[in-house]
Amino acid sequence: PFVSQDAPRAAAAVAAWTPRFRHLPRPWTVLLAGGPIARIAFDETTIDRIADQAMTSARTVGGSLITVVGRRTPGRLRRRLAAGIAQATDLPSWSVGWPAPEPNPYPAVLAMGDRFLVSSDSASMIADACMTGKPVDLVRLPIADYLKRLSSRGLNLSLDARRRRRDREGRVPDALDRLRDALVAHHWMRPWDEMRDFLHGLDAKGLLAPDASDLARRIQTQELDAMAGRIAALVEAAEAARASDARPVVSRTPLGPSSLNSRAASS
């Protein structure tokens, strides 16, 4: 996803929060935790797993653990996460509650964090972390299989689900895959959002590699440029269509006196 880059806002947040973070030893491991989405459950077991992986990761490198939750994080789980991390007396930590205090510390945390750990339910948080150019790792949460749903996708009858699965496996498109692509291209089938595709793309592009550096920024710049080009082409096409419609239409049928009188009467 495209994420905003507001340099003045980030600078103001860093200036406001630097004195408050001064007591935390470096490096800073920043945990970004989201919340429940379709096919990814968020419960006490999930939040405990996130807390355990975050604390283990921070202890490995030393320093401090900073926790940020999103608006999708249920209140009881936010409190459970903060309490669980606070019990680790050997690990300096700080947690951002919700609603976040003002000024919002999120831009400061993104700018000042040394490494990031993100729950795999939030594509936007993952993008935010990757755009920092710092090391990023994921808490990979289980994605429910469609077999647990009473749907054609659950019965493995979905051309879309089949196409996505085969693409992730690197298979050459077959006749059914090409049929699905044609249906989507003609707007006769709506492709579903699939978190597995997003996570697969992160791995395939190397965005989670230790040396990814500014790769996310370069990819997003290319995609923004491509999107701007597509929008410009659509605008030009629409303007050309309007100009064509605005041209006077000249009748090729000769008009006799009766036709002229009829038009004059109707006018």
C-alpha atoms as a PDB file:
ATOM      1  CA  PRO A   1       0.000   0.000   0.000  1.00  0.00           C
ATOM      2  CA  PHE A   2       0.991   3.625  -0.502  1.00  0.00           C
ATOM      3  CA  VAL A   3       1.895   5.274   2.807  1.00  0.00           C
ATOM      4  CA  SER A   4       2.272   9.001   3.393  1.00  0.00           C
ATOM      5  CA  GLN A   5       5.681  10.597   3.849  1.00  0.00           C
ATOM      6  CA  ASP A   6       5.198  13.841   5.787  1.00  0.00           C
ATOM      7  CA  ALA A   7       8.714  15.054   6.604  1.00  0.00           C
ATOM      8  CA  PRO A   8       7.675  18.189   8.590  1.00  0.00           C
ATOM      9  CA  ARG A   9       5.232  16.142  10.713  1.00  0.00           C
ATOM     10  CA  ALA A  10       7.878  13.507  11.376  1.00  0.00           C
ATOM     11  CA  ALA A  11      10.459  16.156  12.334  1.00  0.00           C
ATOM     12  CA  ALA A  12       8.017  17.804  14.750  1.00  0.00           C
ATOM     13  CA  ALA A  13       7.190  14.443  16.331  1.00  0.00           C
ATOM     14  CA  VAL A  14      10.870  13.566  16.728  1.00  0.00           C
ATOM     15  CA  ALA A  15      11.560  16.930  18.397  1.00  0.00           C
ATOM     16  CA  ALA A  16       8.634  16.451  20.788  1.00  0.00           C
ATOM     17  CA  TRP A  17       9.351  12.845  21.750  1.00  0.00           C
ATOM     18  CA  THR A  18      13.154  12.703  21.852  1.00  0.00           C
ATOM     19  CA  PRO A  19      13.311  13.990  25.462  1.00  0.00           C
ATOM     20  CA  ARG A  20      10.670  11.447  26.557  1.00  0.00           C
ATOM     21  CA  PHE A  21      12.528   8.525  24.996  1.00  0.00           C
ATOM     22  CA  ARG A  22      15.938   9.571  26.284  1.00  0.00           C
ATOM     23  CA  HIS A  23      15.857   7.105  29.190  1.00  0.00           C
ATOM     24  CA  LEU A  24      15.479   4.098  26.857  1.00  0.00           C
ATOM     25  CA  PRO A  25      18.781   2.375  26.001  1.00  0.00           C
ATOM     26  CA  ARG A  26      19.575   1.656  22.354  1.00  0.00           C
ATOM     27  CA  PRO A  27      18.937  -0.163  20.081  1.00  0.00           C
ATOM     28  CA  TRP A  28      15.174   0.302  19.962  1.00  0.00           C
ATOM     29  CA  THR A  29      13.090  -2.633  18.796  1.00  0.00           C
ATOM     30  CA  VAL A  30       9.692  -1.285  17.763  1.00  0.00           C
ATOM     31  CA  LEU A  31       6.690  -3.622  17.858  1.00  0.00           C
ATOM     32  CA  LEU A  32       3.775  -2.592  15.623  1.00  0.00           C
ATOM     33  CA  ALA A  33       0.658  -4.615  16.447  1.00  0.00           C
ATOM     34  CA  GLY A  34      -2.597  -4.522  14.505  1.00  0.00           C
ATOM     35  CA  GLY A  35      -5.836  -6.366  15.105  1.00  0.00           C
ATOM     36  CA  PRO A  36      -8.329  -8.900  13.783  1.00  0.00           C
ATOM     37  CA  ILE A  37      -9.096  -9.033  10.065  1.00  0.00           C
ATOM     38  CA  ALA A  38     -10.868 -11.559   7.870  1.00  0.00           C
ATOM     39  CA  ARG A  39      -9.245 -14.988   8.312  1.00  0.00           C
ATOM     40  CA  ILE A  40      -6.699 -13.765  10.904  1.00  0.00           C
ATOM     41  CA  ALA A  41      -8.010 -14.086  14.448  1.00  0.00           C
ATOM     42  CA  PHE A  42      -6.838 -11.872  17.289  1.00  0.00           C
ATOM     43  CA  ASP A  43      -7.357 -13.294  20.759  1.00  0.00           C
ATOM     44  CA  GLU A  44      -5.452 -13.756  24.022  1.00  0.00           C
ATOM     45  CA  THR A  45      -3.350 -16.542  22.533  1.00  0.00           C
ATOM     46  CA  THR A  46      -2.430 -14.355  19.564  1.00  0.00           C
ATOM     47  CA  ILE A  47      -1.491 -11.352  21.666  1.00  0.00           C
ATOM     48  CA  ASP A  48       0.613 -13.512  24.014  1.00  0.00           C
ATOM     49  CA  ARG A  49       2.439 -14.933  21.005  1.00  0.00           C
ATOM     50  CA  ILE A  50       3.137 -11.417  19.712  1.00  0.00           C
ATOM     51  CA  ALA A  51       4.421 -10.307  23.122  1.00  0.00           C
ATOM     52  CA  ASP A  52       6.671 -13.360  23.494  1.00  0.00           C
ATOM     53  CA  GLN A  53       8.243 -12.940  20.043  1.00  0.00           C
ATOM     54  CA  ALA A  54       8.745  -9.213  20.599  1.00  0.00           C
ATOM     55  CA  MET A  55      10.455  -9.697  23.952  1.00  0.00           C
ATOM     56  CA  THR A  56      12.647 -12.505  22.610  1.00  0.00           C
ATOM     57  CA  SER A  57      13.644 -10.377  19.623  1.00  0.00           C
ATOM     58  CA  ALA A  58      14.496  -7.355  21.794  1.00  0.00           C
ATOM     59  CA  ARG A  59      16.489  -9.438  24.273  1.00  0.00           C
ATOM     60  CA  THR A  60      18.516 -10.909  21.406  1.00  0.00           C
ATOM     61  CA  VAL A  61      19.936  -7.537  20.384  1.00  0.00           C
ATOM     62  CA  GLY A  62      19.644  -5.760  23.725  1.00  0.00           C
ATOM     63  CA  GLY A  63      18.330  -2.250  24.196  1.00  0.00           C
ATOM     64  CA  SER A  64      14.636  -1.443  24.601  1.00  0.00           C
ATOM     65  CA  LEU A  65      11.233  -2.491  23.301  1.00  0.00           C
ATOM     66  CA  ILE A  66       8.720   0.140  22.173  1.00  0.00           C
ATOM     67  CA  THR A  67       5.174  -1.075  21.535  1.00  0.00           C
ATOM     68  CA  VAL A  68       2.657   0.649  19.259  1.00  0.00           C
ATOM     69  CA  VAL A  69      -0.874  -0.661  18.743  1.00  0.00           C
ATOM     70  CA  GLY A  70      -3.401   0.313  16.088  1.00  0.00           C
ATOM     71  CA  ARG A  71      -7.020   1.345  16.268  1.00  0.00           C
ATOM     72  CA  ARG A  72      -8.043  -2.214  15.318  1.00  0.00           C
ATOM     73  CA  THR A  73      -6.419  -3.653  18.446  1.00  0.00           C
ATOM     74  CA  PRO A  74      -9.218  -4.480  20.924  1.00  0.00           C
ATOM     75  CA  GLY A  75      -8.879  -2.601  24.225  1.00  0.00           C
ATOM     76  CA  ARG A  76      -8.596  -5.700  26.395  1.00  0.00           C
ATOM     77  CA  LEU A  77      -5.815  -7.042  24.166  1.00  0.00           C
ATOM     78  CA  ARG A  78      -3.978  -3.709  24.187  1.00  0.00           C
ATOM     79  CA  ARG A  79      -3.959  -3.814  27.964  1.00  0.00           C
ATOM     80  CA  ARG A  80      -2.906  -7.468  28.020  1.00  0.00           C
ATOM     81  CA  LEU A  81      -0.019  -6.787  25.610  1.00  0.00           C
ATOM     82  CA  ALA A  82       1.245  -3.787  27.592  1.00  0.00           C
ATOM     83  CA  ALA A  83       0.952  -5.622  30.907  1.00  0.00           C
ATOM     84  CA  GLY A  84       2.729  -8.713  29.626  1.00  0.00           C
ATOM     85  CA  ILE A  85       5.690  -6.714  28.328  1.00  0.00           C
ATOM     86  CA  ALA A  86       5.848  -4.533  31.443  1.00  0.00           C
ATOM     87  CA  GLN A  87       6.315  -7.663  33.586  1.00  0.00           C
ATOM     88  CA  ALA A  88       9.674  -8.292  31.911  1.00  0.00           C
ATOM     89  CA  THR A  89      11.789  -6.402  34.433  1.00  0.00           C
ATOM     90  CA  ASP A  90      14.985  -7.228  32.530  1.00  0.00           C
ATOM     91  CA  LEU A  91      13.763  -5.417  29.403  1.00  0.00           C
ATOM     92  CA  PRO A  92      13.356  -1.623  29.296  1.00  0.00           C
ATOM     93  CA  SER A  93      10.106  -0.884  27.504  1.00  0.00           C
ATOM     94  CA  TRP A  94       7.539   1.768  26.658  1.00  0.00           C
ATOM     95  CA  SER A  95       4.041   1.366  25.201  1.00  0.00           C
ATOM     96  CA  VAL A  96       1.867   3.760  23.231  1.00  0.00           C
ATOM     97  CA  GLY A  97      -1.752   3.514  24.339  1.00  0.00           C
ATOM     98  CA  TRP A  98      -4.891   4.233  22.347  1.00  0.00           C
ATOM     99  CA  PRO A  99      -6.007   6.836  21.598  1.00  0.00           C
ATOM    100  CA  ALA A 100      -2.436   7.975  21.099  1.00  0.00           C
ATOM    101  CA  PRO A 101      -1.240  11.043  23.000  1.00  0.00           C
ATOM    102  CA  GLU A 102      -0.617  14.343  21.238  1.00  0.00           C
ATOM    103  CA  PRO A 103       1.534  14.936  19.377  1.00  0.00           C
ATOM    104  CA  ASN A 104       1.158  11.465  17.934  1.00  0.00           C
ATOM    105  CA  PRO A 105       4.355   9.514  18.661  1.00  0.00           C
ATOM    106  CA  TYR A 106       3.906   7.173  15.680  1.00  0.00           C
ATOM    107  CA  PRO A 107       5.938   9.292  13.183  1.00  0.00           C
ATOM    108  CA  ALA A 108       8.679   9.701  15.809  1.00  0.00           C
ATOM    109  CA  VAL A 109       8.803   5.963  16.489  1.00  0.00           C
ATOM    110  CA  LEU A 110       9.078   5.220  12.777  1.00  0.00           C
ATOM    111  CA  ALA A 111      11.874   7.774  12.367  1.00  0.00           C
ATOM    112  CA  MET A 112      13.818   6.842  15.493  1.00  0.00           C
ATOM    113  CA  GLY A 113      13.351   3.067  15.726  1.00  0.00           C
ATOM    114  CA  ASP A 114      16.389   0.903  14.982  1.00  0.00           C
ATOM    115  CA  ARG A 115      14.498  -2.249  13.961  1.00  0.00           C
ATOM    116  CA  PHE A 116      10.864  -3.244  13.582  1.00  0.00           C
ATOM    117  CA  LEU A 117       8.675  -6.239  14.342  1.00  0.00           C
ATOM    118  CA  VAL A 118       5.174  -6.099  12.815  1.00  0.00           C
ATOM    119  CA  SER A 119       2.177  -8.383  13.182  1.00  0.00           C
ATOM    120  CA  SER A 120       1.376  -9.842   9.770  1.00  0.00           C
ATOM    121  CA  ASP A 121      -2.263  -8.696   9.737  1.00  0.00           C
ATOM    122  CA  SER A 122      -1.468  -5.050   8.928  1.00  0.00           C
ATOM    123  CA  ALA A 123      -0.258  -4.299   5.402  1.00  0.00           C
ATOM    124  CA  SER A 124      -0.066  -0.560   6.161  1.00  0.00           C
ATOM    125  CA  MET A 125       2.084  -0.998   9.268  1.00  0.00           C
ATOM    126  CA  ILE A 126       4.363  -3.360   7.376  1.00  0.00           C
ATOM    127  CA  ALA A 127       4.693  -0.782   4.584  1.00  0.00           C
ATOM    128  CA  ASP A 128       5.420   1.967   7.120  1.00  0.00           C
ATOM    129  CA  ALA A 129       8.181  -0.129   8.661  1.00  0.00           C
ATOM    130  CA  CYS A 130       9.701  -1.137   5.308  1.00  0.00           C
ATOM    131  CA  MET A 131       9.762   2.496   4.166  1.00  0.00           C
ATOM    132  CA  THR A 132      12.087   3.383   7.060  1.00  0.00           C
ATOM    133  CA  GLY A 133      14.910   1.387   5.460  1.00  0.00           C
ATOM    134  CA  LYS A 134      15.581  -0.310   8.829  1.00  0.00           C
ATOM    135  CA  PRO A 135      15.490  -4.094   9.418  1.00  0.00           C
ATOM    136  CA  VAL A 136      11.933  -5.456   9.493  1.00  0.00           C
ATOM    137  CA  ASP A 137      10.653  -8.815  10.716  1.00  0.00           C
ATOM    138  CA  LEU A 138       7.123 -10.166  11.050  1.00  0.00           C
ATOM    139  CA  VAL A 139       5.073 -11.976  13.634  1.00  0.00           C
ATOM    140  CA  ARG A 140       3.513 -14.367  11.118  1.00  0.00           C
ATOM    141  CA  LEU A 141       0.021 -15.097  12.363  1.00  0.00           C
ATOM    142  CA  PRO A 142      -1.982 -18.108  11.139  1.00  0.00           C
ATOM    143  CA  ILE A 143      -4.305 -17.429   8.190  1.00  0.00           C
ATOM    144  CA  ALA A 144      -7.506 -19.454   8.350  1.00  0.00           C
ATOM    145  CA  ASP A 145      -8.053 -21.815   5.454  1.00  0.00           C
ATOM    146  CA  TYR A 146     -11.202 -21.482   3.356  1.00  0.00           C
ATOM    147  CA  LEU A 147     -12.071 -25.077   4.158  1.00  0.00           C
ATOM    148  CA  LYS A 148     -13.393 -23.696   7.434  1.00  0.00           C
ATOM    149  CA  ARG A 149     -15.987 -21.650   5.537  1.00  0.00           C
ATOM    150  CA  LEU A 150     -19.179 -22.727   3.810  1.00  0.00           C
ATOM    151  CA  SER A 151     -18.284 -21.227   0.450  1.00  0.00           C
ATOM    152  CA  SER A 152     -17.198 -22.228  -3.036  1.00  0.00           C
ATOM    153  CA  ARG A 153     -13.688 -21.068  -2.083  1.00  0.00           C
ATOM    154  CA  GLY A 154     -13.786 -23.385   0.906  1.00  0.00           C
ATOM    155  CA  LEU A 155     -14.674 -26.277  -1.363  1.00  0.00           C
ATOM    156  CA  ASN A 156     -11.727 -25.464  -3.653  1.00  0.00           C
ATOM    157  CA  LEU A 157     -14.121 -24.492  -6.449  1.00  0.00           C
ATOM    158  CA  SER A 158     -12.932 -20.906  -6.737  1.00  0.00           C
ATOM    159  CA  LEU A 159     -10.964 -20.096  -9.896  1.00  0.00           C
ATOM    160  CA  ASP A 160      -9.591 -17.028  -8.125  1.00  0.00           C
ATOM    161  CA  ALA A 161      -8.289 -18.907  -5.083  1.00  0.00           C
ATOM    162  CA  ARG A 162      -6.839 -21.609  -7.327  1.00  0.00           C
ATOM    163  CA  ARG A 163      -5.100 -19.031  -9.551  1.00  0.00           C
ATOM    164  CA  ARG A 164      -3.537 -17.238  -6.597  1.00  0.00           C
ATOM    165  CA  ARG A 165      -2.327 -20.435  -4.993  1.00  0.00           C
ATOM    166  CA  ARG A 166      -0.721 -21.665  -8.232  1.00  0.00           C
ATOM    167  CA  ASP A 167       0.895 -18.275  -8.824  1.00  0.00           C
ATOM    168  CA  ARG A 168       2.484 -18.318  -5.364  1.00  0.00           C
ATOM    169  CA  GLU A 169       3.818 -21.795  -6.173  1.00  0.00           C
ATOM    170  CA  GLY A 170       5.405 -20.451  -9.388  1.00  0.00           C
ATOM    171  CA  ARG A 171       3.333 -22.635 -11.736  1.00  0.00           C
ATOM    172  CA  VAL A 172       2.800 -21.779 -15.389  1.00  0.00           C
ATOM    173  CA  PRO A 173      -0.797 -20.597 -16.001  1.00  0.00           C
ATOM    174  CA  ASP A 174      -3.021 -23.303 -17.435  1.00  0.00           C
ATOM    175  CA  ALA A 175      -6.401 -23.066 -19.182  1.00  0.00           C
ATOM    176  CA  LEU A 176      -8.341 -22.492 -15.957  1.00  0.00           C
ATOM    177  CA  ASP A 177      -5.863 -19.821 -14.868  1.00  0.00           C
ATOM    178  CA  ARG A 178      -6.238 -18.027 -18.183  1.00  0.00           C
ATOM    179  CA  LEU A 179     -10.019 -18.257 -17.873  1.00  0.00           C
ATOM    180  CA  ARG A 180      -9.877 -16.613 -14.460  1.00  0.00           C
ATOM    181  CA  ASP A 181      -7.621 -13.847 -15.807  1.00  0.00           C
ATOM    182  CA  ALA A 182     -10.011 -13.191 -18.687  1.00  0.00           C
ATOM    183  CA  LEU A 183     -12.992 -12.998 -16.326  1.00  0.00           C
ATOM    184  CA  VAL A 184     -11.172 -10.496 -14.127  1.00  0.00           C
ATOM    185  CA  ALA A 185     -10.007  -8.429 -17.115  1.00  0.00           C
ATOM    186  CA  HIS A 186     -13.603  -8.134 -18.362  1.00  0.00           C
ATOM    187  CA  HIS A 187     -14.884  -7.245 -14.856  1.00  0.00           C
ATOM    188  CA  TRP A 188     -16.953 -10.432 -14.688  1.00  0.00           C
ATOM    189  CA  MET A 189     -15.083 -11.644 -11.594  1.00  0.00           C
ATOM    190  CA  ARG A 190     -13.875  -9.660  -8.599  1.00  0.00           C
ATOM    191  CA  PRO A 191     -10.456 -10.789  -7.359  1.00  0.00           C
ATOM    192  CA  TRP A 192     -10.439 -11.197  -3.580  1.00  0.00           C
ATOM    193  CA  ASP A 193      -7.924  -9.607  -1.238  1.00  0.00           C
ATOM    194  CA  GLU A 194      -5.490 -12.284  -0.133  1.00  0.00           C
ATOM    195  CA  MET A 195      -2.989 -11.605   2.658  1.00  0.00           C
ATOM    196  CA  ARG A 196      -0.966 -14.615   1.551  1.00  0.00           C
ATOM    197  CA  ASP A 197      -0.283 -12.870  -1.776  1.00  0.00           C
ATOM    198  CA  PHE A 198       0.931  -9.735  -0.003  1.00  0.00           C
ATOM    199  CA  LEU A 199       3.265 -11.642   2.326  1.00  0.00           C
ATOM    200  CA  HIS A 200       4.525 -13.755  -0.574  1.00  0.00           C
ATOM    201  CA  GLY A 201       5.327 -10.558  -2.486  1.00  0.00           C
ATOM    202  CA  LEU A 202       7.297  -9.156   0.450  1.00  0.00           C
ATOM    203  CA  ASP A 203       9.463 -12.260   0.554  1.00  0.00           C
ATOM    204  CA  ALA A 204       9.822 -12.521  -3.233  1.00  0.00           C
ATOM    205  CA  LYS A 205      10.963  -8.899  -3.581  1.00  0.00           C
ATOM    206  CA  GLY A 206      13.388  -9.131  -0.677  1.00  0.00           C
ATOM    207  CA  LEU A 207      11.708  -6.393   1.354  1.00  0.00           C
ATOM    208  CA  LEU A 208      12.278  -8.306   4.589  1.00  0.00           C
ATOM    209  CA  ALA A 209      15.937  -9.082   3.878  1.00  0.00           C
ATOM    210  CA  PRO A 210      18.432  -7.648   6.391  1.00  0.00           C
ATOM    211  CA  ASP A 211      20.047  -5.585   3.622  1.00  0.00           C
ATOM    212  CA  ALA A 212      16.802  -4.327   2.032  1.00  0.00           C
ATOM    213  CA  SER A 213      17.788  -0.715   2.849  1.00  0.00           C
ATOM    214  CA  ASP A 214      15.826   1.720   0.625  1.00  0.00           C
ATOM    215  CA  LEU A 215      14.305  -0.986  -1.602  1.00  0.00           C
ATOM    216  CA  ALA A 216      10.768  -0.239  -0.353  1.00  0.00           C
ATOM    217  CA  ARG A 217      11.152   3.454  -1.134  1.00  0.00           C
ATOM    218  CA  ARG A 218      12.394   2.709  -4.646  1.00  0.00           C
ATOM    219  CA  ILE A 219       9.526   0.280  -5.297  1.00  0.00           C
ATOM    220  CA  GLN A 220       6.934   2.724  -3.992  1.00  0.00           C
ATOM    221  CA  THR A 221       8.377   5.555  -6.082  1.00  0.00           C
ATOM    222  CA  GLN A 222       8.144   3.389  -9.206  1.00  0.00           C
ATOM    223  CA  GLU A 223       4.569   2.378  -8.393  1.00  0.00           C
ATOM    224  CA  LEU A 224       3.520   5.977  -7.677  1.00  0.00           C
ATOM    225  CA  ASP A 225       4.990   7.070 -11.001  1.00  0.00           C
ATOM    226  CA  ALA A 226       3.191   4.235 -12.780  1.00  0.00           C
ATOM    227  CA  MET A 227      -0.100   5.119 -11.083  1.00  0.00           C
ATOM    228  CA  ALA A 228       0.299   8.801 -12.003  1.00  0.00           C
ATOM    229  CA  GLY A 229       0.926   7.801 -15.614  1.00  0.00           C
ATOM    230  CA  ARG A 230      -2.203   5.632 -15.697  1.00  0.00           C
ATOM    231  CA  ILE A 231      -4.332   8.416 -14.195  1.00  0.00           C
ATOM    232  CA  ALA A 232      -2.961  10.920 -16.724  1.00  0.00           C
ATOM    233  CA  ALA A 233      -3.767   8.530 -19.572  1.00  0.00           C
ATOM    234  CA  LEU A 234      -7.337   8.073 -18.284  1.00  0.00           C
ATOM    235  CA  VAL A 235      -7.798  11.858 -18.043  1.00  0.00           C
ATOM    236  CA  GLU A 236      -6.480  12.360 -21.562  1.00  0.00           C
ATOM    237  CA  ALA A 237      -8.774   9.647 -22.890  1.00  0.00           C
ATOM    238  CA  ALA A 238     -11.774  11.190 -21.142  1.00  0.00           C
ATOM    239  CA  GLU A 239     -10.946  14.649 -22.502  1.00  0.00           C
ATOM    240  CA  ALA A 240     -10.554  13.236 -26.009  1.00  0.00           C
ATOM    241  CA  ALA A 241     -13.926  11.491 -25.702  1.00  0.00           C
ATOM    242  CA  ARG A 242     -15.613  14.709 -24.540  1.00  0.00           C
ATOM    243  CA  ALA A 243     -14.025  16.660 -27.389  1.00  0.00           C
ATOM    244  CA  SER A 244     -15.279  14.069 -29.849  1.00  0.00           C
ATOM    245  CA  ASP A 245     -18.799  14.235 -28.412  1.00  0.00           C
ATOM    246  CA  ALA A 246     -18.774  18.028 -28.587  1.00  0.00           C
ATOM    247  CA  ARG A 247     -18.138  18.145 -32.334  1.00  0.00           C
ATOM    248  CA  PRO A 248     -21.199  19.214 -34.367  1.00  0.00           C
ATOM    249  CA  VAL A 249     -22.865  16.357 -36.185  1.00  0.00           C
ATOM    250  CA  VAL A 250     -23.540  17.153 -39.850  1.00  0.00           C
ATOM    251  CA  SER A 251     -26.510  15.331 -41.312  1.00  0.00           C
ATOM    252  CA  ARG A 252     -25.755  13.582 -44.563  1.00  0.00           C
ATOM    253  CA  THR A 253     -29.473  13.418 -45.472  1.00  0.00           C
ATOM    254  CA  PRO A 254     -30.536  16.229 -47.804  1.00  0.00           C
ATOM    255  CA  LEU A 255     -33.117  18.456 -46.165  1.00  0.00           C
ATOM    256  CA  GLY A 256     -36.102  19.439 -48.305  1.00  0.00           C
ATOM    257  CA  PRO A 257     -38.543  22.229 -47.518  1.00  0.00           C
ATOM    258  CA  SER A 258     -40.860  19.904 -45.568  1.00  0.00           C
ATOM    259  CA  SER A 259     -38.012  18.752 -43.352  1.00  0.00           C
ATOM    260  CA  LEU A 260     -36.921  22.334 -42.661  1.00  0.00           C
ATOM    261  CA  ASN A 261     -40.474  23.349 -41.781  1.00  0.00           C
ATOM    262  CA  SER A 262     -40.820  20.340 -39.468  1.00  0.00           C
ATOM    263  CA  ARG A 263     -37.586  21.224 -37.626  1.00  0.00           C
ATOM    264  CA  ALA A 264     -38.586  24.846 -37.322  1.00  0.00           C
ATOM    265  CA  ALA A 265     -41.932  23.829 -35.827  1.00  0.00           C
ATOM    266  CA  SER A 266     -40.314  21.491 -33.297  1.00  0.00           C
ATOM    267  CA  SER A 267     -37.877  24.224 -32.292  1.00  0.00           C
END
